[in-house]
Amino acid sequence: MKAKTRTFLVWAGVGAAVAILVAAIMIGRVFDKFSYVDETVEIQLVAPAE
């Protein structure tokens, strides 16, 4: 029983890590398509520092 639970937790962790990785890649691709949004964000972040 404990072994099955441990295996389930391991696979759940692996699945979560893969899901996060896929989500990050998809978000990255969206930002690549709308690169002008990223540039605007960079300008807003850099301007106060200057």
N, C-alpha and C. Protein backbone atom coordinates (compact mmCIF):
# COMPACT_ATOMS: atom_id res chain seq x y z
N MET A 1 0.84 -1.20 0.00
CA MET A 1 0.00 0.00 0.00
C MET A 1 0.88 1.26 0.00
N LYS A 2 1.89 1.26 0.87
CA LYS A 2 2.76 2.43 0.94
C LYS A 2 3.55 2.60 -0.36
N ALA A 3 4.01 1.47 -0.91
CA ALA A 3 4.78 1.52 -2.15
C ALA A 3 3.95 2.11 -3.29
N LYS A 4 2.68 1.71 -3.38
CA LYS A 4 1.82 2.24 -4.43
C LYS A 4 1.60 3.74 -4.23
N THR A 5 1.41 4.15 -2.98
CA THR A 5 1.20 5.57 -2.71
C THR A 5 2.44 6.37 -3.09
N ARG A 6 3.61 5.83 -2.75
CA ARG A 6 4.87 6.53 -3.07
C ARG A 6 5.03 6.65 -4.58
N THR A 7 4.74 5.56 -5.29
CA THR A 7 4.85 5.59 -6.76
C THR A 7 3.88 6.61 -7.34
N PHE A 8 2.65 6.65 -6.80
CA PHE A 8 1.66 7.61 -7.29
C PHE A 8 2.15 9.04 -7.08
N LEU A 9 2.73 9.32 -5.91
CA LEU A 9 3.21 10.67 -5.62
C LEU A 9 4.36 11.04 -6.56
N VAL A 10 5.24 10.08 -6.84
CA VAL A 10 6.35 10.35 -7.76
C VAL A 10 5.82 10.69 -9.15
N TRP A 11 4.89 9.89 -9.66
CA TRP A 11 4.34 10.15 -10.99
C TRP A 11 3.53 11.44 -11.02
N ALA A 12 2.85 11.74 -9.90
CA ALA A 12 2.10 13.00 -9.84
C ALA A 12 3.06 14.18 -9.90
N GLY A 13 4.20 14.06 -9.21
CA GLY A 13 5.22 15.12 -9.24
C GLY A 13 5.80 15.29 -10.62
N VAL A 14 6.09 14.16 -11.28
CA VAL A 14 6.63 14.21 -12.65
C VAL A 14 5.61 14.86 -13.59
N GLY A 15 4.37 14.46 -13.45
CA GLY A 15 3.31 15.02 -14.30
C GLY A 15 3.16 16.52 -14.10
N ALA A 16 3.23 16.95 -12.84
CA ALA A 16 3.12 18.38 -12.55
C ALA A 16 4.30 19.14 -13.15
N ALA A 17 5.50 18.58 -13.04
CA ALA A 17 6.69 19.24 -13.59
C ALA A 17 6.58 19.37 -15.11
N VAL A 18 6.11 18.31 -15.77
CA VAL A 18 5.94 18.35 -17.22
C VAL A 18 4.89 19.39 -17.60
N ALA A 19 3.78 19.43 -16.85
CA ALA A 19 2.71 20.38 -17.15
C ALA A 19 3.22 21.81 -17.01
N ILE A 20 4.02 22.08 -15.97
CA ILE A 20 4.58 23.42 -15.77
C ILE A 20 5.52 23.77 -16.92
N LEU A 21 6.33 22.79 -17.33
CA LEU A 21 7.29 23.02 -18.42
C LEU A 21 6.54 23.34 -19.72
N VAL A 22 5.50 22.56 -20.02
CA VAL A 22 4.71 22.80 -21.23
C VAL A 22 4.04 24.16 -21.17
N ALA A 23 3.49 24.52 -20.02
CA ALA A 23 2.85 25.83 -19.87
C ALA A 23 3.85 26.95 -20.09
N ALA A 24 5.06 26.80 -19.55
CA ALA A 24 6.10 27.82 -19.71
C ALA A 24 6.47 27.98 -21.18
N ILE A 25 6.58 26.86 -21.89
CA ILE A 25 6.92 26.92 -23.32
C ILE A 25 5.80 27.62 -24.10
N MET A 26 4.55 27.27 -23.79
CA MET A 26 3.42 27.89 -24.49
C MET A 26 3.38 29.38 -24.21
N ILE A 27 3.58 29.78 -22.95
CA ILE A 27 3.59 31.21 -22.60
C ILE A 27 4.73 31.91 -23.34
N GLY A 28 5.89 31.24 -23.41
CA GLY A 28 7.03 31.82 -24.12
C GLY A 28 6.71 32.05 -25.59
N ARG A 29 6.02 31.10 -26.21
CA ARG A 29 5.66 31.24 -27.62
C ARG A 29 4.68 32.38 -27.81
N VAL A 30 3.75 32.55 -26.87
CA VAL A 30 2.78 33.65 -26.96
C VAL A 30 3.52 34.98 -26.89
N PHE A 31 4.51 35.08 -25.97
CA PHE A 31 5.28 36.32 -25.86
C PHE A 31 6.13 36.56 -27.10
N ASP A 32 6.59 35.49 -27.74
CA ASP A 32 7.34 35.65 -28.99
C ASP A 32 6.43 36.22 -30.08
N LYS A 33 5.19 35.76 -30.14
CA LYS A 33 4.25 36.27 -31.14
C LYS A 33 3.94 37.74 -30.87
N PHE A 34 3.79 38.10 -29.59
CA PHE A 34 3.46 39.47 -29.24
C PHE A 34 4.68 40.12 -28.58
N SER A 35 5.79 40.16 -29.33
CA SER A 35 7.04 40.65 -28.77
C SER A 35 6.93 42.14 -28.42
N TYR A 36 6.07 42.89 -29.10
CA TYR A 36 5.95 44.30 -28.80
C TYR A 36 5.42 44.52 -27.39
N VAL A 37 4.62 43.58 -26.89
CA VAL A 37 4.14 43.68 -25.51
C VAL A 37 5.32 43.53 -24.55
N ASP A 38 6.21 42.58 -24.85
CA ASP A 38 7.38 42.35 -24.01
C ASP A 38 8.28 43.58 -24.00
N GLU A 39 8.46 44.23 -25.16
CA GLU A 39 9.28 45.42 -25.24
C GLU A 39 8.68 46.55 -24.41
N THR A 40 7.35 46.69 -24.46
CA THR A 40 6.67 47.73 -23.68
C THR A 40 6.89 47.49 -22.19
N VAL A 41 6.80 46.23 -21.77
CA VAL A 41 7.01 45.88 -20.36
C VAL A 41 8.44 46.23 -19.96
N GLU A 42 9.41 45.90 -20.82
CA GLU A 42 10.81 46.20 -20.51
C GLU A 42 11.01 47.69 -20.35
N ILE A 43 10.41 48.49 -21.22
CA ILE A 43 10.55 49.94 -21.15
C ILE A 43 9.98 50.45 -19.82
N GLN A 44 8.82 49.92 -19.43
CA GLN A 44 8.19 50.35 -18.18
C GLN A 44 9.03 49.97 -16.98
N LEU A 45 9.72 48.80 -17.06
CA LEU A 45 10.53 48.35 -15.94
C LEU A 45 11.84 49.12 -15.86
N VAL A 46 12.41 49.48 -17.02
CA VAL A 46 13.72 50.15 -17.05
C VAL A 46 13.58 51.64 -16.76
N ALA A 47 12.53 52.27 -17.24
CA ALA A 47 12.38 53.72 -17.12
C ALA A 47 12.48 54.22 -15.67
N PRO A 48 11.77 53.61 -14.70
CA PRO A 48 11.88 54.10 -13.31
C PRO A 48 13.30 53.99 -12.76
N ALA A 49 14.04 52.96 -13.20
CA ALA A 49 15.41 52.78 -12.72
C ALA A 49 16.30 53.92 -13.20
N GLU A 50 16.03 54.43 -14.40
CA GLU A 50 16.80 55.55 -14.94
C GLU A 50 16.31 56.83 -14.27
